[in-house]
Amino acid sequence: MEMLRKIVSADMLTPIFDLPWASRGAQVEVIVLPVYGADRQAQQDQLAVQERRRRREELNRVLDKYPLDLSGFKFNRDEANDYD
């Protein structure tokens, strides 16, 4: 039988996870331990998302100064694949 490790958020009172097929009908042991540093990682992930959002907004502000009209553009596959 294989080992399964899953980290879930503590706000869930009843965690749900899939067990390996080989454990069907067998007794399994569940151990609950706090994961130290998970809050820090979640905070870093949130800061990374905020930073990406800030950079995207900044880039959009710059690009909005240069309007680009592609309404008449048509992709020509033959021209794109012409290496000669």
PDB file of N, CA and C in Angstrom:
ATOM      1  N   MET A   1       0.845  -1.171   0.000  1.00  0.00           N
ATOM      2  CA  MET A   1       0.000   0.000   0.000  1.00  0.00           C
ATOM      3  C   MET A   1       0.895   1.241   0.000  1.00  0.00           C
ATOM      4  N   GLU A   2       0.475   2.265  -0.704  1.00  0.00           N
ATOM      5  CA  GLU A   2       1.268   3.482  -0.792  1.00  0.00           C
ATOM      6  C   GLU A   2       0.843   4.497   0.267  1.00  0.00           C
ATOM      7  N   MET A   3       1.751   5.411   0.564  1.00  0.00           N
ATOM      8  CA  MET A   3       1.472   6.449   1.545  1.00  0.00           C
ATOM      9  C   MET A   3       0.847   7.639   0.831  1.00  0.00           C
ATOM     10  N   LEU A   4      -0.047   8.318   1.492  1.00  0.00           N
ATOM     11  CA  LEU A   4      -0.709   9.492   0.939  1.00  0.00           C
ATOM     12  C   LEU A   4      -0.484  10.649   1.896  1.00  0.00           C
ATOM     13  N   ARG A   5      -0.047  11.770   1.356  1.00  0.00           N
ATOM     14  CA  ARG A   5       0.128  12.967   2.181  1.00  0.00           C
ATOM     15  C   ARG A   5      -0.628  14.091   1.507  1.00  0.00           C
ATOM     16  N   LYS A   6      -1.484  14.752   2.234  1.00  0.00           N
ATOM     17  CA  LYS A   6      -2.266  15.853   1.690  1.00  0.00           C
ATOM     18  C   LYS A   6      -2.321  16.957   2.734  1.00  0.00           C
ATOM     19  N   ILE A   7      -2.034  18.163   2.314  1.00  0.00           N
ATOM     20  CA  ILE A   7      -2.109  19.320   3.199  1.00  0.00           C
ATOM     21  C   ILE A   7      -3.398  20.051   2.866  1.00  0.00           C
ATOM     22  N   VAL A   8      -4.253  20.218   3.866  1.00  0.00           N
ATOM     23  CA  VAL A   8      -5.519  20.909   3.676  1.00  0.00           C
ATOM     24  C   VAL A   8      -5.581  22.099   4.615  1.00  0.00           C
ATOM     25  N   SER A   9      -6.446  23.024   4.292  1.00  0.00           N
ATOM     26  CA  SER A   9      -6.612  24.214   5.110  1.00  0.00           C
ATOM     27  C   SER A   9      -7.371  23.864   6.389  1.00  0.00           C
ATOM     28  N   ALA A  10      -6.995  24.495   7.476  1.00  0.00           N
ATOM     29  CA  ALA A  10      -7.604  24.197   8.774  1.00  0.00           C
ATOM     30  C   ALA A  10      -9.025  24.724   8.874  1.00  0.00           C
ATOM     31  N   ASP A  11      -9.484  25.511   7.930  1.00  0.00           N
ATOM     32  CA  ASP A  11     -10.853  26.008   8.005  1.00  0.00           C
ATOM     33  C   ASP A  11     -11.868  24.938   7.613  1.00  0.00           C
ATOM     34  N   MET A  12     -11.366  23.814   7.128  1.00  0.00           N
ATOM     35  CA  MET A  12     -12.250  22.704   6.786  1.00  0.00           C
ATOM     36  C   MET A  12     -12.362  21.782   8.006  1.00  0.00           C
ATOM     37  N   LEU A  13     -13.563  21.581   8.503  1.00  0.00           N
ATOM     38  CA  LEU A  13     -13.746  20.704   9.656  1.00  0.00           C
ATOM     39  C   LEU A  13     -13.764  19.240   9.233  1.00  0.00           C
ATOM     40  N   THR A  14     -14.184  18.979   8.014  1.00  0.00           N
ATOM     41  CA  THR A  14     -14.236  17.615   7.504  1.00  0.00           C
ATOM     42  C   THR A  14     -13.451  17.576   6.202  1.00  0.00           C
ATOM     43  N   PRO A  15     -12.177  17.267   6.273  1.00  0.00           N
ATOM     44  CA  PRO A  15     -11.395  17.232   5.034  1.00  0.00           C
ATOM     45  C   PRO A  15     -11.825  16.057   4.152  1.00  0.00           C
ATOM     46  N   ILE A  16     -11.828  16.280   2.866  1.00  0.00           N
ATOM     47  CA  ILE A  16     -12.200  15.250   1.903  1.00  0.00           C
ATOM     48  C   ILE A  16     -11.024  15.042   0.970  1.00  0.00           C
ATOM     49  N   PHE A  17     -10.620  13.792   0.810  1.00  0.00           N
ATOM     50  CA  PHE A  17      -9.548  13.478  -0.134  1.00  0.00           C
ATOM     51  C   PHE A  17      -9.741  12.060  -0.637  1.00  0.00           C
ATOM     52  N   ASP A  18      -9.220  11.795  -1.816  1.00  0.00           N
ATOM     53  CA  ASP A  18      -9.335  10.478  -2.427  1.00  0.00           C
ATOM     54  C   ASP A  18      -8.241   9.567  -1.901  1.00  0.00           C
ATOM     55  N   LEU A  19      -8.624   8.341  -1.622  1.00  0.00           N
ATOM     56  CA  LEU A  19      -7.654   7.338  -1.185  1.00  0.00           C
ATOM     57  C   LEU A  19      -7.210   6.513  -2.381  1.00  0.00           C
ATOM     58  N   PRO A  20      -6.002   5.966  -2.326  1.00  0.00           N
ATOM     59  CA  PRO A  20      -5.553   5.096  -3.412  1.00  0.00           C
ATOM     60  C   PRO A  20      -6.472   3.874  -3.534  1.00  0.00           C
ATOM     61  N   TRP A  21      -6.650   3.383  -4.734  1.00  0.00           N
ATOM     62  CA  TRP A  21      -7.529   2.258  -4.988  1.00  0.00           C
ATOM     63  C   TRP A  21      -7.119   1.031  -4.167  1.00  0.00           C
ATOM     64  N   ALA A  22      -5.819   0.859  -3.936  1.00  0.00           N
ATOM     65  CA  ALA A  22      -5.328  -0.309  -3.199  1.00  0.00           C
ATOM     66  C   ALA A  22      -5.788  -0.305  -1.743  1.00  0.00           C
ATOM     67  N   SER A  23      -6.171   0.851  -1.203  1.00  0.00           N
ATOM     68  CA  SER A  23      -6.597   0.918   0.192  1.00  0.00           C
ATOM     69  C   SER A  23      -8.083   0.634   0.363  1.00  0.00           C
ATOM     70  N   ARG A  24      -8.775   0.332  -0.703  1.00  0.00           N
ATOM     71  CA  ARG A  24     -10.214   0.054  -0.657  1.00  0.00           C
ATOM     72  C   ARG A  24     -10.471  -1.142   0.256  1.00  0.00           C
ATOM     73  N   GLY A  25     -11.311  -0.945   1.249  1.00  0.00           N
ATOM     74  CA  GLY A  25     -11.671  -2.013   2.171  1.00  0.00           C
ATOM     75  C   GLY A  25     -10.674  -2.238   3.293  1.00  0.00           C
ATOM     76  N   ALA A  26      -9.535  -1.559   3.275  1.00  0.00           N
ATOM     77  CA  ALA A  26      -8.518  -1.753   4.305  1.00  0.00           C
ATOM     78  C   ALA A  26      -8.676  -0.695   5.394  1.00  0.00           C
ATOM     79  N   GLN A  27      -8.125  -0.979   6.549  1.00  0.00           N
ATOM     80  CA  GLN A  27      -8.090   0.033   7.595  1.00  0.00           C
ATOM     81  C   GLN A  27      -6.945   0.987   7.297  1.00  0.00           C
ATOM     82  N   VAL A  28      -7.187   2.270   7.466  1.00  0.00           N
ATOM     83  CA  VAL A  28      -6.158   3.283   7.234  1.00  0.00           C
ATOM     84  C   VAL A  28      -6.017   4.119   8.492  1.00  0.00           C
ATOM     85  N   GLU A  29      -4.855   4.690   8.669  1.00  0.00           N
ATOM     86  CA  GLU A  29      -4.581   5.554   9.811  1.00  0.00           C
ATOM     87  C   GLU A  29      -4.449   6.980   9.308  1.00  0.00           C
ATOM     88  N   VAL A  30      -5.122   7.892   9.969  1.00  0.00           N
ATOM     89  CA  VAL A  30      -5.075   9.305   9.618  1.00  0.00           C
ATOM     90  C   VAL A  30      -4.413  10.044  10.762  1.00  0.00           C
ATOM     91  N   ILE A  31      -3.367  10.786  10.453  1.00  0.00           N
ATOM     92  CA  ILE A  31      -2.637  11.558  11.460  1.00  0.00           C
ATOM     93  C   ILE A  31      -2.782  13.029  11.100  1.00  0.00           C
ATOM     94  N   VAL A  32      -3.151  13.845  12.057  1.00  0.00           N
ATOM     95  CA  VAL A  32      -3.331  15.275  11.825  1.00  0.00           C
ATOM     96  C   VAL A  32      -2.219  16.021  12.558  1.00  0.00           C
ATOM     97  N   LEU A  33      -1.421  16.760  11.808  1.00  0.00           N
ATOM     98  CA  LEU A  33      -0.334  17.557  12.370  1.00  0.00           C
ATOM     99  C   LEU A  33      -0.395  18.961  11.793  1.00  0.00           C
ATOM    100  N   PRO A  34      -0.083  19.964  12.590  1.00  0.00           N
ATOM    101  CA  PRO A  34      -0.016  21.307  12.022  1.00  0.00           C
ATOM    102  C   PRO A  34       1.222  21.437  11.127  1.00  0.00           C
ATOM    103  N   VAL A  35       1.066  22.164  10.045  1.00  0.00           N
ATOM    104  CA  VAL A  35       2.178  22.392   9.122  1.00  0.00           C
ATOM    105  C   VAL A  35       2.711  23.790   9.405  1.00  0.00           C
ATOM    106  N   TYR A  36       3.891  23.844   9.957  1.00  0.00           N
ATOM    107  CA  TYR A  36       4.482  25.131  10.284  1.00  0.00           C
ATOM    108  C   TYR A  36       5.061  25.752   9.030  1.00  0.00           C
ATOM    109  N   GLY A  37       4.862  27.028   8.905  1.00  0.00           N
ATOM    110  CA  GLY A  37       5.371  27.737   7.731  1.00  0.00           C
ATOM    111  C   GLY A  37       4.357  27.799   6.602  1.00  0.00           C
ATOM    112  N   ALA A  38       3.249  27.095   6.711  1.00  0.00           N
ATOM    113  CA  ALA A  38       2.243  27.113   5.654  1.00  0.00           C
ATOM    114  C   ALA A  38       1.611  28.497   5.546  1.00  0.00           C
ATOM    115  N   ASP A  39       1.404  29.154   6.697  1.00  0.00           N
ATOM    116  CA  ASP A  39       0.839  30.499   6.676  1.00  0.00           C
ATOM    117  C   ASP A  39       1.783  31.457   5.973  1.00  0.00           C
ATOM    118  N   ARG A  40       3.072  31.294   6.230  1.00  0.00           N
ATOM    119  CA  ARG A  40       4.062  32.155   5.592  1.00  0.00           C
ATOM    120  C   ARG A  40       4.056  31.939   4.080  1.00  0.00           C
ATOM    121  N   GLN A  41       3.963  30.667   3.664  1.00  0.00           N
ATOM    122  CA  GLN A  41       3.940  30.357   2.235  1.00  0.00           C
ATOM    123  C   GLN A  41       2.672  30.919   1.590  1.00  0.00           C
ATOM    124  N   ALA A  42       1.549  30.802   2.277  1.00  0.00           N
ATOM    125  CA  ALA A  42       0.291  31.338   1.751  1.00  0.00           C
ATOM    126  C   ALA A  42       0.385  32.851   1.623  1.00  0.00           C
ATOM    127  N   GLN A  43       1.015  33.490   2.595  1.00  0.00           N
ATOM    128  CA  GLN A  43       1.184  34.944   2.550  1.00  0.00           C
ATOM    129  C   GLN A  43       2.103  35.328   1.394  1.00  0.00           C
ATOM    130  N   GLN A  44       3.180  34.570   1.179  1.00  0.00           N
ATOM    131  CA  GLN A  44       4.085  34.848   0.066  1.00  0.00           C
ATOM    132  C   GLN A  44       3.377  34.639  -1.264  1.00  0.00           C
ATOM    133  N   ASP A  45       2.543  33.610  -1.352  1.00  0.00           N
ATOM    134  CA  ASP A  45       1.777  33.377  -2.569  1.00  0.00           C
ATOM    135  C   ASP A  45       0.835  34.534  -2.843  1.00  0.00           C
ATOM    136  N   GLN A  46       0.182  35.030  -1.801  1.00  0.00           N
ATOM    137  CA  GLN A  46      -0.736  36.150  -1.951  1.00  0.00           C
ATOM    138  C   GLN A  46       0.013  37.401  -2.390  1.00  0.00           C
ATOM    139  N   LEU A  47       1.191  37.637  -1.810  1.00  0.00           N
ATOM    140  CA  LEU A  47       1.995  38.793  -2.219  1.00  0.00           C
ATOM    141  C   LEU A  47       2.449  38.654  -3.663  1.00  0.00           C
ATOM    142  N   ALA A  48       2.784  37.441  -4.088  1.00  0.00           N
ATOM    143  CA  ALA A  48       3.194  37.217  -5.474  1.00  0.00           C
ATOM    144  C   ALA A  48       2.038  37.507  -6.426  1.00  0.00           C
ATOM    145  N   VAL A  49       0.838  37.114  -6.065  1.00  0.00           N
ATOM    146  CA  VAL A  49      -0.330  37.397  -6.895  1.00  0.00           C
ATOM    147  C   VAL A  49      -0.564  38.897  -6.979  1.00  0.00           C
ATOM    148  N   GLN A  50      -0.455  39.580  -5.845  1.00  0.00           N
ATOM    149  CA  GLN A  50      -0.635  41.030  -5.840  1.00  0.00           C
ATOM    150  C   GLN A  50       0.434  41.720  -6.687  1.00  0.00           C
ATOM    151  N   GLU A  51       1.668  41.230  -6.630  1.00  0.00           N
ATOM    152  CA  GLU A  51       2.752  41.817  -7.419  1.00  0.00           C
ATOM    153  C   GLU A  51       2.506  41.608  -8.909  1.00  0.00           C
ATOM    154  N   ARG A  52       2.074  40.408  -9.298  1.00  0.00           N
ATOM    155  CA  ARG A  52       1.766  40.158 -10.716  1.00  0.00           C
ATOM    156  C   ARG A  52       0.626  41.041 -11.197  1.00  0.00           C
ATOM    157  N   ARG A  53      -0.387  41.200 -10.334  1.00  0.00           N
ATOM    158  CA  ARG A  53      -1.518  42.059 -10.697  1.00  0.00           C
ATOM    159  C   ARG A  53      -1.060  43.510 -10.852  1.00  0.00           C
ATOM    160  N   ARG A  54      -0.193  43.977  -9.951  1.00  0.00           N
ATOM    161  CA  ARG A  54       0.316  45.354 -10.031  1.00  0.00           C
ATOM    162  C   ARG A  54       1.114  45.568 -11.305  1.00  0.00           C
ATOM    163  N   ARG A  55       1.974  44.584 -11.640  1.00  0.00           N
ATOM    164  CA  ARG A  55       2.788  44.704 -12.852  1.00  0.00           C
ATOM    165  C   ARG A  55       1.921  44.698 -14.112  1.00  0.00           C
ATOM    166  N   ARG A  56       0.876  43.839 -14.111  1.00  0.00           N
ATOM    167  CA  ARG A  56      -0.023  43.779 -15.262  1.00  0.00           C
ATOM    168  C   ARG A  56      -0.743  45.109 -15.444  1.00  0.00           C
ATOM    169  N   GLU A  57      -1.215  45.705 -14.345  1.00  0.00           N
ATOM    170  CA  GLU A  57      -1.895  46.995 -14.424  1.00  0.00           C
ATOM    171  C   GLU A  57      -0.942  48.072 -14.921  1.00  0.00           C
ATOM    172  N   GLU A  58       0.294  48.043 -14.440  1.00  0.00           N
ATOM    173  CA  GLU A  58       1.292  49.015 -14.886  1.00  0.00           C
ATOM    174  C   GLU A  58       1.573  48.866 -16.380  1.00  0.00           C
ATOM    175  N   LEU A  59       1.715  47.619 -16.831  1.00  0.00           N
ATOM    176  CA  LEU A  59       1.947  47.368 -18.253  1.00  0.00           C
ATOM    177  C   LEU A  59       0.757  47.819 -19.086  1.00  0.00           C
ATOM    178  N   ASN A  60      -0.452  47.560 -18.602  1.00  0.00           N
ATOM    179  CA  ASN A  60      -1.644  47.994 -19.335  1.00  0.00           C
ATOM    180  C   ASN A  60      -1.704  49.507 -19.436  1.00  0.00           C
ATOM    181  N   ARG A  61      -1.302  50.225 -18.373  1.00  0.00           N
ATOM    182  CA  ARG A  61      -1.285  51.694 -18.429  1.00  0.00           C
ATOM    183  C   ARG A  61      -0.323  52.182 -19.505  1.00  0.00           C
ATOM    184  N   VAL A  62       0.822  51.529 -19.634  1.00  0.00           N
ATOM    185  CA  VAL A  62       1.797  51.925 -20.655  1.00  0.00           C
ATOM    186  C   VAL A  62       1.275  51.584 -22.043  1.00  0.00           C
ATOM    187  N   LEU A  63       0.749  50.390 -22.214  1.00  0.00           N
ATOM    188  CA  LEU A  63       0.288  49.959 -23.531  1.00  0.00           C
ATOM    189  C   LEU A  63      -0.963  50.698 -23.988  1.00  0.00           C
ATOM    190  N   ASP A  64      -1.755  51.200 -23.057  1.00  0.00           N
ATOM    191  CA  ASP A  64      -2.951  51.962 -23.429  1.00  0.00           C
ATOM    192  C   ASP A  64      -2.584  53.255 -24.153  1.00  0.00           C
ATOM    193  N   LYS A  65      -1.364  53.721 -24.000  1.00  0.00           N
ATOM    194  CA  LYS A  65      -0.911  54.938 -24.679  1.00  0.00           C
ATOM    195  C   LYS A  65      -0.678  54.704 -26.166  1.00  0.00           C
ATOM    196  N   TYR A  66      -0.537  53.441 -26.568  1.00  0.00           N
ATOM    197  CA  TYR A  66      -0.231  53.085 -27.950  1.00  0.00           C
ATOM    198  C   TYR A  66      -1.334  52.177 -28.503  1.00  0.00           C
ATOM    199  N   PRO A  67      -2.410  52.781 -29.004  1.00  0.00           N
ATOM    200  CA  PRO A  67      -3.502  51.950 -29.518  1.00  0.00           C
ATOM    201  C   PRO A  67      -3.044  51.165 -30.754  1.00  0.00           C
ATOM    202  N   LEU A  68      -3.521  49.953 -30.876  1.00  0.00           N
ATOM    203  CA  LEU A  68      -3.143  49.078 -31.969  1.00  0.00           C
ATOM    204  C   LEU A  68      -4.414  48.513 -32.586  1.00  0.00           C
ATOM    205  N   ASP A  69      -4.608  48.792 -33.875  1.00  0.00           N
ATOM    206  CA  ASP A  69      -5.796  48.331 -34.578  1.00  0.00           C
ATOM    207  C   ASP A  69      -5.428  47.135 -35.444  1.00  0.00           C
ATOM    208  N   LEU A  70      -5.910  45.958 -35.084  1.00  0.00           N
ATOM    209  CA  LEU A  70      -5.636  44.740 -35.847  1.00  0.00           C
ATOM    210  C   LEU A  70      -6.862  44.269 -36.622  1.00  0.00           C
ATOM    211  N   SER A  71      -7.826  45.159 -36.840  1.00  0.00           N
ATOM    212  CA  SER A  71      -9.066  44.757 -37.505  1.00  0.00           C
ATOM    213  C   SER A  71      -8.817  44.320 -38.950  1.00  0.00           C
ATOM    214  N   GLY A  72      -7.799  44.881 -39.623  1.00  0.00           N
ATOM    215  CA  GLY A  72      -7.518  44.498 -41.004  1.00  0.00           C
ATOM    216  C   GLY A  72      -6.463  43.412 -41.129  1.00  0.00           C
ATOM    217  N   PHE A  73      -5.981  42.892 -40.027  1.00  0.00           N
ATOM    218  CA  PHE A  73      -4.915  41.892 -40.066  1.00  0.00           C
ATOM    219  C   PHE A  73      -5.484  40.511 -40.325  1.00  0.00           C
ATOM    220  N   LYS A  74      -4.843  39.775 -41.224  1.00  0.00           N
ATOM    221  CA  LYS A  74      -5.219  38.394 -41.479  1.00  0.00           C
ATOM    222  C   LYS A  74      -3.942  37.568 -41.465  1.00  0.00           C
ATOM    223  N   PHE A  75      -3.926  36.526 -40.652  1.00  0.00           N
ATOM    224  CA  PHE A  75      -2.747  35.671 -40.541  1.00  0.00           C
ATOM    225  C   PHE A  75      -2.605  34.839 -41.800  1.00  0.00           C
ATOM    226  N   ASN A  76      -1.418  34.876 -42.412  1.00  0.00           N
ATOM    227  CA  ASN A  76      -1.144  34.108 -43.622  1.00  0.00           C
ATOM    228  C   ASN A  76      -0.193  32.983 -43.251  1.00  0.00           C
ATOM    229  N   ARG A  77      -0.737  31.778 -43.119  1.00  0.00           N
ATOM    230  CA  ARG A  77       0.059  30.621 -42.703  1.00  0.00           C
ATOM    231  C   ARG A  77       1.153  30.304 -43.727  1.00  0.00           C
ATOM    232  N   ASP A  78       0.840  30.444 -45.018  1.00  0.00           N
ATOM    233  CA  ASP A  78       1.843  30.145 -46.045  1.00  0.00           C
ATOM    234  C   ASP A  78       3.033  31.089 -45.930  1.00  0.00           C
ATOM    235  N   GLU A  79       2.763  32.341 -45.676  1.00  0.00           N
ATOM    236  CA  GLU A  79       3.839  33.328 -45.522  1.00  0.00           C
ATOM    237  C   GLU A  79       4.649  33.041 -44.255  1.00  0.00           C
ATOM    238  N   ALA A  80       3.991  32.626 -43.191  1.00  0.00           N
ATOM    239  CA  ALA A  80       4.674  32.360 -41.930  1.00  0.00           C
ATOM    240  C   ALA A  80       5.578  31.138 -42.043  1.00  0.00           C
ATOM    241  N   ASN A  81       5.212  30.165 -42.879  1.00  0.00           N
ATOM    242  CA  ASN A  81       5.988  28.945 -43.029  1.00  0.00           C
ATOM    243  C   ASN A  81       6.943  28.983 -44.210  1.00  0.00           C
ATOM    244  N   ASP A  82       7.060  30.117 -44.852  1.00  0.00           N
ATOM    245  CA  ASP A  82       7.948  30.245 -46.008  1.00  0.00           C
ATOM    246  C   ASP A  82       9.351  30.611 -45.511  1.00  0.00           C
ATOM    247  N   TYR A  83      10.212  29.598 -45.449  1.00  0.00           N
ATOM    248  CA  TYR A  83      11.562  29.809 -44.909  1.00  0.00           C
ATOM    249  C   TYR A  83      12.579  30.143 -45.996  1.00  0.00           C
ATOM    250  N   ASP A  84      12.203  30.038 -47.253  1.00  0.00           N
ATOM    251  CA  ASP A  84      13.169  30.267 -48.347  1.00  0.00           C
ATOM    252  C   ASP A  84      13.340  31.704 -48.669  1.00  0.00           C
TER     253      ASP A  84
END
